[in-house]
Every structure is written in C-alpha cells, then in structure tokens.
C-alpha cells in the first residue's frame, strides 16, 4: 500500500522553489507530490520511507531545514554508551567529563563496524602540536557546501557556535563509545539529541570560526580525551585500518604526545610555555633577569645565540 509522509512544509510558489538535493539518486519507489500547500514524499513500501528530508530555498542558498520523521523514538532516554559516560549528557562543553587518562581502563576495544568517511577530502593539517597550541584533530579538504557525514550511528550531543575556534560545529556520541567532532561547518543540518545513522549528512562544510580556508576539522574523542584519527582511518584510501581499535591510556591520547613535545622543545612539563615580547632597549641579559632565567636557557628554548639581534616585537620563549 502506498504511504505518504506529510511534512507540513508550506511553500510559497511565487517566491521560492524547492530543490531536490541529489535528485538523480532518489531510490526507486519514492516520488514527490504537492497538494495545495503541502509537500508529500510518497513511498511504495514502509521500508523505503526516508528518515528525514532536507530542503533548500533557491533565493536563500544558505537557509536549510531538516524534518525528523521518526515520532516513536524517545530522544531523551537511553543515550549511547550511557554506562561508559556515567549518564553525563550535556551540550555545554566538548569535554565536560574532565577524566584524567589514569582513571580509565588500561585498554578498551572499540567496535568500528558501520564506519562512514565524513568527507572524501585529503588531510591538510595533521593531529599534533602546532607552534603555540595543540591540534586535537585532522583537517580534511572540502568545498563550502559539501556534505559532511556522521562516522558512526549515534546521537547528537552538541550543535554549537564557537567564533574563535570550531565555528559552527557538531558533536556526536556514538553507540561504540566514541565521540566525534565536526568543525568549521557552513551549516549544521541536525538538532541536539537527534538520533543519527552512519553516513547520514549532518552538515555542510564551510570556513567558519578560526579557519583560513574551507575544510572539515574532524576529531575522535573517548571520555573527552582526543586521539589521532589517523590511528583509526587511512584517509588516503578512505578506509579503516582495522575492524576494531584498542584504546590504551599509555599510547592513544594526546596528553602523552603533548608532554613529549614539550620535553623535546626543552619546555617545563609541569606548566605551559610562556613567551615575552621584545621591547625597545631589551637585551637577552635583561630579559633573563626579569624572568628569573638564564641567557643560556633562553638561547636553548629559542634556537638563538647570545649575539642574536633581538628585533622589537619578537616573541621570546622564556620557559
């Protein structure tokens, strides 16, 4: 029996036109019908009905809406991996758990079945230390408006805006215990607490927030702790490295790599790096005395010599 899904999308035919995204891939047995001011998606079988519909207004190309069609799912109960996360479910922070690595199990096996590649783009920036900060994910090349897909089945925890960082971003907690972060989106297409399937489009790629060009910032996290996505995914091939991943607190997480980076740079593992901006009349000796250090230490930290000319405005690392 033919079924109709009433979406209650009221369309003003005089001012806008409905655009069917990727119409050439519409499955057999589905078709659109418009009766008066209501759009219907008609399916020949219950199994063919879409989970949701996204539409775009041509005269406002950045305005999108998403309609959720599963009214039987209680979105506020039984969050994914609730036992692992001790019933913590909040949209306030990417990492609200603040659990040190030493407090988690020595090792945890993650089931990676059902994985979908978020975008097919190549890596433009890897996970790891940058000059003054740490990069907690990988950057994947895309064009503004490209589809960004969920890596696994799960539930949306955050749809947020961070103008000095992620820009428009989405955080999804997955059934396997991982959380993924999708940053610099042009437009999120999901709502908080919404159930998501692997491969489902959760947003359109962009260049929002702290970004110098269109790309997707993509993170894997476990109990709030970020680790290198390349340990799980071969982004060159667009495939998983294995069907499971063993998370270990001694090797997977960024904390250990961050400490190693500080040590190799001559930094103090007990605190963050500190910098001093050179002013008129400054010398290495004066800077060392003012900051309770030595000329030799300053030279080691900054890769300079005692005879190096200090230009005004240069940042000198002092610890």
Protein backbone atom coordinates (compact mmCIF):
# COMPACT_ATOMS: atom_id res chain seq x y z
CA UNK A 1 0.00 0.00 0.00
CA UNK A 2 1.32 3.40 -0.96
CA UNK A 3 2.21 5.54 2.06
CA UNK A 4 2.50 9.31 2.33
CA UNK A 5 4.62 11.27 4.79
CA UNK A 6 3.10 14.68 5.50
CA UNK A 7 5.99 17.05 6.13
CA UNK A 8 3.95 20.23 6.65
CA UNK A 9 6.35 22.26 4.54
CA UNK A 10 4.38 25.29 3.43
CA UNK A 11 5.72 26.56 0.14
CA UNK A 12 5.07 29.99 -1.35
CA UNK A 13 5.28 29.13 -5.03
CA UNK A 14 5.57 32.80 -6.05
CA UNK A 15 8.82 33.47 -4.15
CA UNK A 16 10.76 30.21 -3.85
CA UNK A 17 11.39 26.87 -5.49
CA UNK A 18 12.10 23.53 -3.83
CA UNK A 19 15.40 22.00 -4.90
CA UNK A 20 15.74 18.23 -4.60
CA UNK A 21 19.27 17.51 -3.43
CA UNK A 22 20.97 14.77 -5.47
CA UNK A 23 17.69 14.01 -7.25
CA UNK A 24 19.41 11.55 -9.54
CA UNK A 25 20.00 9.24 -6.57
CA UNK A 26 16.36 9.15 -5.42
CA UNK A 27 15.62 5.48 -4.62
CA UNK A 28 13.10 3.57 -6.67
CA UNK A 29 9.64 3.61 -5.14
CA UNK A 30 9.89 7.21 -3.88
CA UNK A 31 8.37 10.28 -5.52
CA UNK A 32 7.30 13.81 -4.61
CA UNK A 33 3.77 15.17 -4.77
CA UNK A 34 2.46 18.65 -3.93
CA UNK A 35 -1.19 19.10 -2.98
CA UNK A 36 -2.25 22.67 -2.31
CA UNK A 37 0.38 23.98 0.15
CA UNK A 38 1.69 20.63 1.45
CA UNK A 39 4.59 18.54 0.12
CA UNK A 40 4.28 14.76 0.31
CA UNK A 41 7.02 12.16 -0.06
CA UNK A 42 5.30 9.07 -1.41
CA UNK A 43 6.76 5.62 -0.78
CA UNK A 44 5.63 2.28 -2.19
CA UNK A 45 6.70 0.49 0.99
CA UNK A 46 7.29 1.35 4.63
CA UNK A 47 10.94 0.35 4.38
CA UNK A 48 11.51 2.90 1.64
CA UNK A 49 10.45 5.91 3.69
CA UNK A 50 13.25 8.42 4.35
CA UNK A 51 14.42 9.06 7.88
CA UNK A 52 14.38 12.81 7.27
CA UNK A 53 14.18 15.37 4.49
CA UNK A 54 16.38 18.43 3.88
CA UNK A 55 15.25 21.24 1.57
CA UNK A 56 16.82 24.42 0.25
CA UNK A 57 15.28 27.70 -0.86
CA UNK A 58 16.93 28.84 -4.08
CA UNK A 59 16.73 32.55 -3.30
CA UNK A 60 18.39 31.99 0.09
CA UNK A 61 21.03 29.33 -0.61
CA UNK A 62 22.30 29.13 2.97
CA UNK A 63 18.90 28.52 4.57
CA UNK A 64 18.28 24.84 5.24
CA UNK A 65 15.81 22.93 7.35
CA UNK A 66 15.66 19.33 8.50
CA UNK A 67 12.49 17.41 9.29
CA UNK A 68 12.68 14.40 11.58
CA UNK A 69 10.17 11.70 10.75
CA UNK A 70 10.52 9.06 13.48
CA UNK A 71 7.95 10.05 16.12
CA UNK A 72 8.31 6.75 18.03
CA UNK A 73 11.89 7.39 19.18
CA UNK A 74 12.23 8.97 22.62
CA UNK A 75 15.29 11.13 22.05
CA UNK A 76 15.78 12.00 25.70
CA UNK A 77 16.35 8.48 27.01
CA UNK A 78 18.94 5.74 26.57
CA UNK A 79 21.80 7.88 25.31
CA UNK A 80 24.55 5.96 23.50
CA UNK A 81 27.25 4.43 25.73
CA UNK A 82 25.48 5.83 28.78
CA UNK A 83 27.20 3.33 31.09
CA UNK A 84 30.65 4.44 29.91
CA UNK A 85 29.82 8.13 30.34
CA UNK A 86 28.11 7.72 33.75
CA UNK A 87 24.86 9.27 32.49
CA UNK A 88 26.61 12.59 31.72
CA UNK A 89 24.81 14.19 28.77
CA UNK A 90 25.32 17.91 28.31
CA UNK A 91 25.60 20.39 25.47
CA UNK A 92 27.76 22.82 27.46
CA UNK A 93 31.27 21.59 26.57
CA UNK A 94 33.06 19.39 24.04
CA UNK A 95 34.78 17.75 27.01
CA UNK A 96 32.54 18.02 30.08
CA UNK A 97 33.92 14.82 31.65
CA UNK A 98 37.40 16.03 32.67
CA UNK A 99 38.54 12.48 33.34
CA UNK A 100 42.33 12.03 33.53
CA UNK A 101 43.82 9.24 31.47
CA UNK A 102 44.94 7.39 34.60
CA UNK A 103 41.31 6.96 35.68
CA UNK A 104 40.21 4.98 32.62
CA UNK A 105 40.76 1.30 31.94
CA UNK A 106 44.20 0.20 30.80
CA UNK A 107 42.73 -0.76 27.44
CA UNK A 108 39.34 -0.62 25.72
CA UNK A 109 38.36 -2.31 22.45
CA UNK A 110 36.21 -0.12 20.18
CA UNK A 111 33.99 -1.76 17.56
CA UNK A 112 34.41 0.18 14.30
CA UNK A 113 31.78 -1.64 12.27
CA UNK A 114 29.49 0.55 10.18
CA UNK A 115 32.07 3.32 9.71
CA UNK A 116 31.45 6.04 7.11
CA UNK A 117 34.03 8.55 5.89
CA UNK A 118 32.95 12.09 6.96
CA UNK A 119 34.26 13.65 3.73
CA UNK A 120 36.43 12.21 0.93
CA UNK A 121 38.97 15.04 1.12
CA UNK A 122 42.68 14.66 1.80
CA UNK A 123 44.42 15.79 5.03
CA UNK A 124 45.64 19.37 5.01
CA UNK A 125 46.72 19.52 8.67
CA UNK A 126 47.56 16.61 10.92
CA UNK A 127 46.85 15.86 14.57
CA UNK A 128 49.52 17.08 16.98
CA UNK A 129 51.39 20.13 18.24
CA UNK A 130 51.34 23.41 16.39
CA UNK A 131 53.60 26.34 17.17
CA UNK A 132 51.63 27.80 20.07
CA UNK A 133 48.82 25.29 20.58
CA UNK A 134 47.75 21.70 20.09
CA UNK A 135 45.66 20.50 17.15
CA UNK A 136 43.24 17.90 18.52
CA UNK A 137 42.04 16.52 15.17
CA UNK A 138 42.80 16.38 11.47
CA UNK A 139 41.75 18.90 8.82
CA UNK A 140 40.15 17.41 5.70
CA UNK A 141 39.87 19.38 2.46
CA UNK A 142 36.41 20.17 1.12
CA UNK A 143 34.49 22.88 -0.71
CA UNK A 144 31.94 25.10 1.02
CA UNK A 145 28.59 23.35 0.77
CA UNK A 146 29.99 19.81 0.53
CA UNK A 147 28.14 17.16 2.53
CA UNK A 148 29.63 16.14 5.88
CA UNK A 149 28.54 12.73 7.16
CA UNK A 150 28.40 11.04 10.55
CA UNK A 151 31.18 8.50 11.09
CA UNK A 152 29.00 6.01 13.03
CA UNK A 153 25.49 5.57 14.37
CA UNK A 154 24.86 7.75 17.40
CA UNK A 155 23.12 10.77 18.86
CA UNK A 156 23.87 14.48 18.52
CA UNK A 157 25.10 15.95 21.80
CA UNK A 158 26.03 19.48 20.67
CA UNK A 159 25.15 21.77 17.79
CA UNK A 160 27.26 24.78 18.69
CA UNK A 161 28.90 28.03 17.62
CA UNK A 162 32.48 28.92 18.57
CA UNK A 163 33.60 32.08 16.70
CA UNK A 164 37.23 31.81 17.86
CA UNK A 165 37.59 28.08 17.32
CA UNK A 166 35.35 25.46 15.79
CA UNK A 167 32.92 27.91 14.15
CA UNK A 168 29.67 26.05 13.53
CA UNK A 169 30.26 22.55 14.89
CA UNK A 170 28.53 19.30 15.79
CA UNK A 171 29.47 16.73 18.45
CA UNK A 172 28.03 13.22 18.15
CA UNK A 173 28.26 10.45 20.73
CA UNK A 174 28.31 7.05 19.07
CA UNK A 175 26.99 3.70 20.16
CA UNK A 176 30.53 2.27 20.25
CA UNK A 177 31.63 4.76 22.95
CA UNK A 178 33.49 7.24 20.77
CA UNK A 179 32.54 10.86 20.28
CA UNK A 180 33.29 12.75 17.06
CA UNK A 181 33.61 16.50 16.48
CA UNK A 182 32.90 18.19 13.13
CA UNK A 183 34.16 21.78 13.00
CA UNK A 184 34.04 24.85 10.69
CA UNK A 185 30.71 23.83 9.17
CA UNK A 186 28.89 26.30 6.98
CA UNK A 187 25.50 24.95 8.09
CA UNK A 188 24.61 22.22 10.59
CA UNK A 189 21.64 20.13 9.42
CA UNK A 190 20.87 18.36 12.69
CA UNK A 191 19.38 19.18 16.06
CA UNK A 192 20.68 18.37 19.53
CA UNK A 193 19.50 14.99 20.92
CA UNK A 194 18.70 13.72 17.41
CA UNK A 195 19.43 10.09 16.55
CA UNK A 196 21.90 9.77 13.67
CA UNK A 197 22.87 6.93 11.35
CA UNK A 198 26.34 6.27 9.96
CA UNK A 199 26.79 8.07 6.66
CA UNK A 200 23.91 10.45 7.31
CA UNK A 201 24.56 14.07 6.26
CA UNK A 202 24.88 16.12 9.46
CA UNK A 203 26.00 19.40 7.93
CA UNK A 204 27.51 21.30 5.02
CA UNK A 205 31.22 22.03 5.02
CA UNK A 206 32.50 25.57 5.33
CA UNK A 207 35.05 28.04 6.62
CA UNK A 208 33.56 29.35 9.87
CA UNK A 209 35.36 30.13 13.13
CA UNK A 210 39.16 30.07 13.35
CA UNK A 211 39.77 28.88 9.81
CA UNK A 212 41.81 30.11 6.85
CA UNK A 213 40.03 28.13 4.14
CA UNK A 214 37.19 25.63 3.62
CA UNK A 215 37.87 22.36 5.42
CA UNK A 216 36.45 19.97 7.97
CA UNK A 217 38.12 19.80 11.37
CA UNK A 218 37.47 16.21 12.50
CA UNK A 219 38.17 14.72 15.94
CA UNK A 220 37.90 11.35 17.66
CA UNK A 221 37.44 11.51 21.45
CA UNK A 222 36.94 8.92 24.16
CA UNK A 223 35.66 10.15 27.52
CA UNK A 224 36.66 13.62 26.38
CA UNK A 225 40.25 12.69 25.54
CA UNK A 226 41.26 13.37 21.93
CA UNK A 227 43.43 10.99 19.95
CA UNK A 228 44.80 10.86 16.41
CA UNK A 229 42.08 9.95 13.86
CA UNK A 230 44.80 8.52 11.60
CA UNK A 231 45.24 5.70 14.10
CA UNK A 232 41.78 4.52 13.03
CA UNK A 233 41.31 5.79 9.46
CA UNK A 234 43.56 5.69 6.41
CA UNK A 235 42.31 8.96 4.91
CA UNK A 236 44.35 8.46 1.72
CA UNK A 237 42.40 5.29 0.94
CA UNK A 238 39.22 6.38 2.72
CA UNK A 239 39.08 3.13 4.71
CA UNK A 240 39.50 1.84 8.26
CA UNK A 241 42.86 0.41 9.27
CA UNK A 242 41.11 -2.41 11.14
CA UNK A 243 37.63 -3.52 12.23
CA UNK A 244 38.40 -2.66 15.87
CA UNK A 245 40.66 -0.22 17.68
CA UNK A 246 42.40 -0.77 21.01
CA UNK A 247 42.41 2.42 23.08
CA UNK A 248 45.25 2.49 25.61
CA UNK A 249 45.88 5.21 28.14
CA UNK A 250 49.63 4.86 27.59
CA UNK A 251 49.63 5.33 23.84
CA UNK A 252 46.44 6.66 22.28
CA UNK A 253 45.81 10.05 23.79
CA UNK A 254 47.19 13.48 23.09
CA UNK A 255 48.37 14.10 26.67
CA UNK A 256 51.37 11.81 26.27
CA UNK A 257 52.32 13.27 22.88
CA UNK A 258 51.89 16.79 24.23
CA UNK A 259 54.28 16.07 27.12
CA UNK A 260 56.81 14.54 24.72
CA UNK A 261 56.61 17.63 22.53
CA UNK A 262 57.28 19.93 25.47
CA UNK A 263 60.22 17.81 26.63
CA UNK A 264 61.81 17.76 23.15
CA UNK A 265 61.44 21.53 22.96
CA UNK A 266 63.14 21.96 26.30
CA UNK A 267 59.95 23.08 27.99
CA UNK A 268 58.73 22.52 31.51
CA UNK A 269 56.35 19.53 31.61
CA UNK A 270 54.89 20.89 34.80
CA UNK A 271 53.47 24.01 33.09
CA UNK A 272 52.62 25.61 29.78
CA UNK A 273 55.03 27.53 27.59
CA UNK A 274 55.43 31.24 28.34
CA UNK A 275 56.55 34.00 25.98
CA UNK A 276 57.90 37.53 26.29
CA UNK A 277 57.55 40.25 23.64
CA UNK A 278 60.78 42.15 22.99
CA UNK A 279 60.61 45.89 23.69
CA UNK A 280 62.90 48.78 22.84
CA UNK A 281 66.20 48.56 24.76
CA UNK A 282 65.81 44.88 25.73
CA UNK A 283 68.80 42.54 25.82
CA UNK A 284 68.95 38.81 26.49
CA UNK A 285 70.53 39.53 29.86
CA UNK A 286 67.78 41.95 30.87
CA UNK A 287 65.05 39.56 29.72
CA UNK A 288 66.68 36.68 31.62
CA UNK A 289 66.93 38.68 34.85
CA UNK A 290 63.37 39.98 34.56
CA UNK A 291 62.00 36.45 34.17
CA UNK A 292 64.24 34.55 36.62
CA UNK A 293 66.06 32.52 33.99
CA UNK A 294 69.45 32.49 32.24
CA UNK A 295 70.76 33.63 28.87
CA UNK A 296 71.82 30.08 28.09
CA UNK A 297 68.31 28.78 28.77
CA UNK A 298 66.77 31.45 26.55
CA UNK A 299 69.13 30.51 23.73
CA UNK A 300 68.25 26.84 24.07
CA UNK A 301 64.50 27.48 24.09
CA UNK A 302 64.57 29.78 21.07
CA UNK A 303 67.40 28.30 18.98
CA UNK A 304 69.39 31.54 19.04
CA UNK A 305 72.87 32.70 20.05
CA UNK A 306 73.96 35.27 22.62
CA UNK A 307 74.91 37.55 19.72
CA UNK A 308 71.49 37.30 18.02
CA UNK A 309 69.91 40.72 17.37
CA UNK A 310 66.53 40.97 19.08
CA UNK A 311 64.01 42.82 16.94
CA UNK A 312 61.26 44.79 18.69
CA UNK A 313 58.01 42.83 18.74
CA UNK A 314 59.63 39.40 18.52
CA UNK A 315 58.24 36.79 20.92
CA UNK A 316 60.88 35.08 23.03
CA UNK A 317 60.07 31.85 24.82
CA UNK A 318 61.11 32.18 28.45
CA UNK A 319 60.01 28.74 29.70
